[in-house]
Amino acid sequence: MSISLTSPVTGSAQTGFTSPTYTVVADTAPGTNGKQWAVSALGGTQALVRVHSASDPFTITFERPATIRQAPIVNPVTGVVGNVPRNTYKVRTRKGVIPVTGQNPQVFLQTTVCDVPAGADLADPANVRAGSSLHIGSSWQQSAGWGDTLLSAVI
């Protein structure tokens, strides 16, 4: 039920990569509400890719909210729900990239943010899962196209 990456992680298809894999080791997340792994070795064909180092990061972090918000209370007079709080979950991938040849790496940050309305985990779990399924499945399906878009700006 909880997040626990199994090493190696099979990467998704990217232009110029053949069967990419990433050996990961447990790392310390920046915050207390997350789990993090660092890439220590590469597999498959992915020329010029570098593994994690202090000044050239390659990590993935899964984060949960510091405080879980509860379902909102329905107004007993109007029957209307007021402001619905959100529980925000994040997945962050940090990868050092070199912006200009001969320069130091800069951090390329990819973040997926999931804002789940408080209470949906109990009242509508199937549709929370369906939204996640589509999001992750379409990201997996379009991985190479997304990678190409990040380089060409053509969507």
C-alpha atoms as a PDB file:
ATOM      1  CA  MET A   1       0.000   0.000   0.000  1.00  0.00           C
ATOM      2  CA  SER A   2       2.792   2.446   0.671  1.00  0.00           C
ATOM      3  CA  ILE A   3       5.425   3.761  -1.712  1.00  0.00           C
ATOM      4  CA  SER A   4       8.482   1.525  -1.928  1.00  0.00           C
ATOM      5  CA  LEU A   5      10.428   1.528  -5.179  1.00  0.00           C
ATOM      6  CA  THR A   6      11.891  -1.775  -6.279  1.00  0.00           C
ATOM      7  CA  SER A   7      15.284  -1.500  -7.907  1.00  0.00           C
ATOM      8  CA  PRO A   8      15.922  -1.361 -10.754  1.00  0.00           C
ATOM      9  CA  VAL A   9      13.129   0.896 -12.005  1.00  0.00           C
ATOM     10  CA  THR A  10      12.216   0.294 -15.642  1.00  0.00           C
ATOM     11  CA  GLY A  11      12.135   3.617 -17.433  1.00  0.00           C
ATOM     12  CA  SER A  12       9.569   4.464 -20.053  1.00  0.00           C
ATOM     13  CA  ALA A  13      10.321   4.828 -23.746  1.00  0.00           C
ATOM     14  CA  GLN A  14      12.285   7.886 -24.850  1.00  0.00           C
ATOM     15  CA  THR A  15      13.699   8.793 -28.242  1.00  0.00           C
ATOM     16  CA  GLY A  16      17.248   7.387 -28.419  1.00  0.00           C
ATOM     17  CA  PHE A  17      16.918   5.213 -25.298  1.00  0.00           C
ATOM     18  CA  THR A  18      16.755   1.418 -25.459  1.00  0.00           C
ATOM     19  CA  SER A  19      15.348  -0.420 -22.432  1.00  0.00           C
ATOM     20  CA  PRO A  20      16.357   2.221 -19.859  1.00  0.00           C
ATOM     21  CA  THR A  21      16.631   1.084 -16.255  1.00  0.00           C
ATOM     22  CA  TYR A  22      17.613   2.957 -13.117  1.00  0.00           C
ATOM     23  CA  THR A  23      19.176   1.343 -10.066  1.00  0.00           C
ATOM     24  CA  VAL A  24      17.931   3.321  -7.070  1.00  0.00           C
ATOM     25  CA  VAL A  25      19.082   3.505  -3.473  1.00  0.00           C
ATOM     26  CA  ALA A  26      17.114   4.864  -0.535  1.00  0.00           C
ATOM     27  CA  ASP A  27      17.943   8.486   0.222  1.00  0.00           C
ATOM     28  CA  THR A  28      16.770  11.031   2.779  1.00  0.00           C
ATOM     29  CA  ALA A  29      13.878  13.183   1.568  1.00  0.00           C
ATOM     30  CA  PRO A  30      14.177  16.952   2.053  1.00  0.00           C
ATOM     31  CA  GLY A  31      11.026  16.991   4.228  1.00  0.00           C
ATOM     32  CA  THR A  32       9.741  14.674   6.924  1.00  0.00           C
ATOM     33  CA  ASN A  33       6.649  13.700   4.924  1.00  0.00           C
ATOM     34  CA  GLY A  34       8.374  12.075   1.996  1.00  0.00           C
ATOM     35  CA  LYS A  35      10.403   9.149   0.726  1.00  0.00           C
ATOM     36  CA  GLN A  36      13.286   9.641  -1.673  1.00  0.00           C
ATOM     37  CA  TRP A  37      15.528   7.497  -3.849  1.00  0.00           C
ATOM     38  CA  ALA A  38      18.695   8.414  -5.754  1.00  0.00           C
ATOM     39  CA  VAL A  39      19.809   6.853  -9.045  1.00  0.00           C
ATOM     40  CA  SER A  40      23.111   5.039  -8.478  1.00  0.00           C
ATOM     41  CA  ALA A  41      23.475   3.107 -11.749  1.00  0.00           C
ATOM     42  CA  LEU A  42      21.998   3.001 -15.250  1.00  0.00           C
ATOM     43  CA  GLY A  43      21.004   0.123 -17.508  1.00  0.00           C
ATOM     44  CA  GLY A  44      20.027  -0.186 -21.141  1.00  0.00           C
ATOM     45  CA  THR A  45      21.210   2.315 -23.722  1.00  0.00           C
ATOM     46  CA  GLN A  46      21.031   5.936 -22.602  1.00  0.00           C
ATOM     47  CA  ALA A  47      24.233   7.579 -23.788  1.00  0.00           C
ATOM     48  CA  LEU A  48      25.604  10.563 -21.842  1.00  0.00           C
ATOM     49  CA  VAL A  49      23.168  10.160 -18.913  1.00  0.00           C
ATOM     50  CA  ARG A  50      24.779  10.726 -15.504  1.00  0.00           C
ATOM     51  CA  VAL A  51      23.879   9.095 -12.171  1.00  0.00           C
ATOM     52  CA  HIS A  52      23.224  11.014  -8.946  1.00  0.00           C
ATOM     53  CA  SER A  53      25.894  13.067  -7.212  1.00  0.00           C
ATOM     54  CA  ALA A  54      25.728  15.932  -4.722  1.00  0.00           C
ATOM     55  CA  SER A  55      26.203  18.610  -7.384  1.00  0.00           C
ATOM     56  CA  ASP A  56      24.400  16.752 -10.177  1.00  0.00           C
ATOM     57  CA  PRO A  57      21.234  15.261  -8.662  1.00  0.00           C
ATOM     58  CA  PHE A  58      19.094  12.442 -10.022  1.00  0.00           C
ATOM     59  CA  THR A  59      16.417  11.714  -7.428  1.00  0.00           C
ATOM     60  CA  ILE A  60      12.720  10.976  -7.107  1.00  0.00           C
ATOM     61  CA  THR A  61      10.703  12.006  -4.060  1.00  0.00           C
ATOM     62  CA  PHE A  62       7.151  11.051  -3.099  1.00  0.00           C
ATOM     63  CA  GLU A  63       5.487  13.469  -0.648  1.00  0.00           C
ATOM     64  CA  ARG A  64       2.256  13.447   1.324  1.00  0.00           C
ATOM     65  CA  PRO A  65       0.584  16.365   3.115  1.00  0.00           C
ATOM     66  CA  ALA A  66       2.071  17.299   6.500  1.00  0.00           C
ATOM     67  CA  THR A  67      -1.441  17.291   7.943  1.00  0.00           C
ATOM     68  CA  ILE A  68      -4.287  15.293   6.405  1.00  0.00           C
ATOM     69  CA  ARG A  69      -7.415  17.403   6.095  1.00  0.00           C
ATOM     70  CA  GLN A  70     -10.772  15.858   6.906  1.00  0.00           C
ATOM     71  CA  ALA A  71     -13.962  15.878   4.850  1.00  0.00           C
ATOM     72  CA  PRO A  72     -15.888  19.151   5.077  1.00  0.00           C
ATOM     73  CA  ILE A  73     -19.004  19.468   7.189  1.00  0.00           C
ATOM     74  CA  VAL A  74     -22.336  19.981   5.459  1.00  0.00           C
ATOM     75  CA  ASN A  75     -24.186  23.063   6.685  1.00  0.00           C
ATOM     76  CA  PRO A  76     -27.192  21.657   8.612  1.00  0.00           C
ATOM     77  CA  VAL A  77     -29.437  24.561   7.554  1.00  0.00           C
ATOM     78  CA  THR A  78     -28.586  24.959   3.864  1.00  0.00           C
ATOM     79  CA  GLY A  79     -27.314  21.441   3.136  1.00  0.00           C
ATOM     80  CA  VAL A  80     -24.421  23.014   1.245  1.00  0.00           C
ATOM     81  CA  VAL A  81     -20.767  22.200   1.663  1.00  0.00           C
ATOM     82  CA  GLY A  82     -18.643  25.310   2.077  1.00  0.00           C
ATOM     83  CA  ASN A  83     -14.990  25.431   1.237  1.00  0.00           C
ATOM     84  CA  VAL A  84     -13.646  21.930   0.538  1.00  0.00           C
ATOM     85  CA  PRO A  85     -10.046  21.578   1.729  1.00  0.00           C
ATOM     86  CA  ARG A  86      -7.504  19.681  -0.380  1.00  0.00           C
ATOM     87  CA  ASN A  87      -4.879  17.103   0.518  1.00  0.00           C
ATOM     88  CA  THR A  88      -1.896  17.764  -1.751  1.00  0.00           C
ATOM     89  CA  TYR A  89       0.431  14.927  -2.728  1.00  0.00           C
ATOM     90  CA  LYS A  90       3.525  15.419  -4.909  1.00  0.00           C
ATOM     91  CA  VAL A  91       6.045  13.412  -6.869  1.00  0.00           C
ATOM     92  CA  ARG A  92       9.225  15.332  -7.686  1.00  0.00           C
ATOM     93  CA  THR A  93      12.012  14.216  -9.971  1.00  0.00           C
ATOM     94  CA  ARG A  94      15.234  16.209  -9.817  1.00  0.00           C
ATOM     95  CA  LYS A  95      17.851  15.775 -12.544  1.00  0.00           C
ATOM     96  CA  GLY A  96      21.022  17.749 -13.059  1.00  0.00           C
ATOM     97  CA  VAL A  97      21.260  19.104 -16.605  1.00  0.00           C
ATOM     98  CA  ILE A  98      24.003  21.158 -18.204  1.00  0.00           C
ATOM     99  CA  PRO A  99      22.589  24.369 -19.758  1.00  0.00           C
ATOM    100  CA  VAL A 100      25.749  25.268 -21.705  1.00  0.00           C
ATOM    101  CA  THR A 101      28.739  23.043 -22.483  1.00  0.00           C
ATOM    102  CA  GLY A 102      31.455  23.449 -19.888  1.00  0.00           C
ATOM    103  CA  GLN A 103      29.109  24.843 -17.240  1.00  0.00           C
ATOM    104  CA  ASN A 104      27.928  23.345 -13.964  1.00  0.00           C
ATOM    105  CA  PRO A 105      24.698  21.331 -13.869  1.00  0.00           C
ATOM    106  CA  GLN A 106      21.418  23.063 -13.013  1.00  0.00           C
ATOM    107  CA  VAL A 107      18.425  21.231 -11.532  1.00  0.00           C
ATOM    108  CA  PHE A 108      15.675  20.228 -13.967  1.00  0.00           C
ATOM    109  CA  LEU A 109      12.592  19.739 -11.781  1.00  0.00           C
ATOM    110  CA  GLN A 110       9.500  17.753 -12.767  1.00  0.00           C
ATOM    111  CA  THR A 111       6.584  17.825 -10.336  1.00  0.00           C
ATOM    112  CA  THR A 112       3.263  16.012 -10.423  1.00  0.00           C
ATOM    113  CA  VAL A 113       0.784  17.551  -7.976  1.00  0.00           C
ATOM    114  CA  CYS A 114      -2.352  15.704  -6.899  1.00  0.00           C
ATOM    115  CA  ASP A 115      -4.927  17.856  -5.075  1.00  0.00           C
ATOM    116  CA  VAL A 116      -7.473  15.434  -3.624  1.00  0.00           C
ATOM    117  CA  PRO A 117     -10.618  17.006  -2.158  1.00  0.00           C
ATOM    118  CA  ALA A 118     -10.766  16.014   1.504  1.00  0.00           C
ATOM    119  CA  GLY A 119     -13.275  13.212   1.989  1.00  0.00           C
ATOM    120  CA  ALA A 120     -13.018  11.850  -1.576  1.00  0.00           C
ATOM    121  CA  ASP A 121     -10.765   9.086  -0.244  1.00  0.00           C
ATOM    122  CA  LEU A 122     -13.788   7.718   1.638  1.00  0.00           C
ATOM    123  CA  ALA A 123     -16.756   8.872  -0.440  1.00  0.00           C
ATOM    124  CA  ASP A 124     -15.400   8.184  -3.949  1.00  0.00           C
ATOM    125  CA  PRO A 125     -12.199   6.080  -3.878  1.00  0.00           C
ATOM    126  CA  ALA A 126     -12.866   4.395  -7.237  1.00  0.00           C
ATOM    127  CA  ASN A 127     -12.853   7.718  -9.048  1.00  0.00           C
ATOM    128  CA  VAL A 128      -9.730   8.930  -7.214  1.00  0.00           C
ATOM    129  CA  ARG A 129      -8.043   5.743  -8.464  1.00  0.00           C
ATOM    130  CA  ALA A 130      -9.477   6.211 -11.991  1.00  0.00           C
ATOM    131  CA  GLY A 131      -8.079   9.741 -12.202  1.00  0.00           C
ATOM    132  CA  SER A 132      -4.678   8.486 -11.085  1.00  0.00           C
ATOM    133  CA  SER A 133      -4.837   5.573 -13.496  1.00  0.00           C
ATOM    134  CA  LEU A 134      -5.493   7.827 -16.485  1.00  0.00           C
ATOM    135  CA  HIS A 135      -2.858  10.369 -15.400  1.00  0.00           C
ATOM    136  CA  ILE A 136      -0.091   7.813 -14.935  1.00  0.00           C
ATOM    137  CA  GLY A 137      -1.137   5.634 -17.883  1.00  0.00           C
ATOM    138  CA  SER A 138      -1.268   8.519 -20.346  1.00  0.00           C
ATOM    139  CA  SER A 139       2.044   9.868 -19.047  1.00  0.00           C
ATOM    140  CA  TRP A 140       3.574   6.417 -19.575  1.00  0.00           C
ATOM    141  CA  GLN A 141       2.011   6.121 -23.046  1.00  0.00           C
ATOM    142  CA  GLN A 142       3.176   9.560 -24.129  1.00  0.00           C
ATOM    143  CA  SER A 143       6.582   9.495 -22.408  1.00  0.00           C
ATOM    144  CA  ALA A 144       8.680   9.742 -25.578  1.00  0.00           C
ATOM    145  CA  GLY A 145       6.393  12.408 -27.049  1.00  0.00           C
ATOM    146  CA  TRP A 146       6.607  14.426 -23.819  1.00  0.00           C
ATOM    147  CA  GLY A 147      10.402  14.097 -23.806  1.00  0.00           C
ATOM    148  CA  ASP A 148      10.471  15.287 -27.430  1.00  0.00           C
ATOM    149  CA  THR A 149       8.166  18.208 -26.538  1.00  0.00           C
ATOM    150  CA  LEU A 150      10.506  19.305 -23.732  1.00  0.00           C
ATOM    151  CA  LEU A 151      13.264  19.577 -26.354  1.00  0.00           C
ATOM    152  CA  SER A 152      11.330  20.954 -29.349  1.00  0.00           C
ATOM    153  CA  ALA A 153       8.458  22.873 -27.683  1.00  0.00           C
ATOM    154  CA  VAL A 154       6.157  21.243 -30.235  1.00  0.00           C
ATOM    155  CA  ILE A 155       3.151  19.707 -28.525  1.00  0.00           C
END
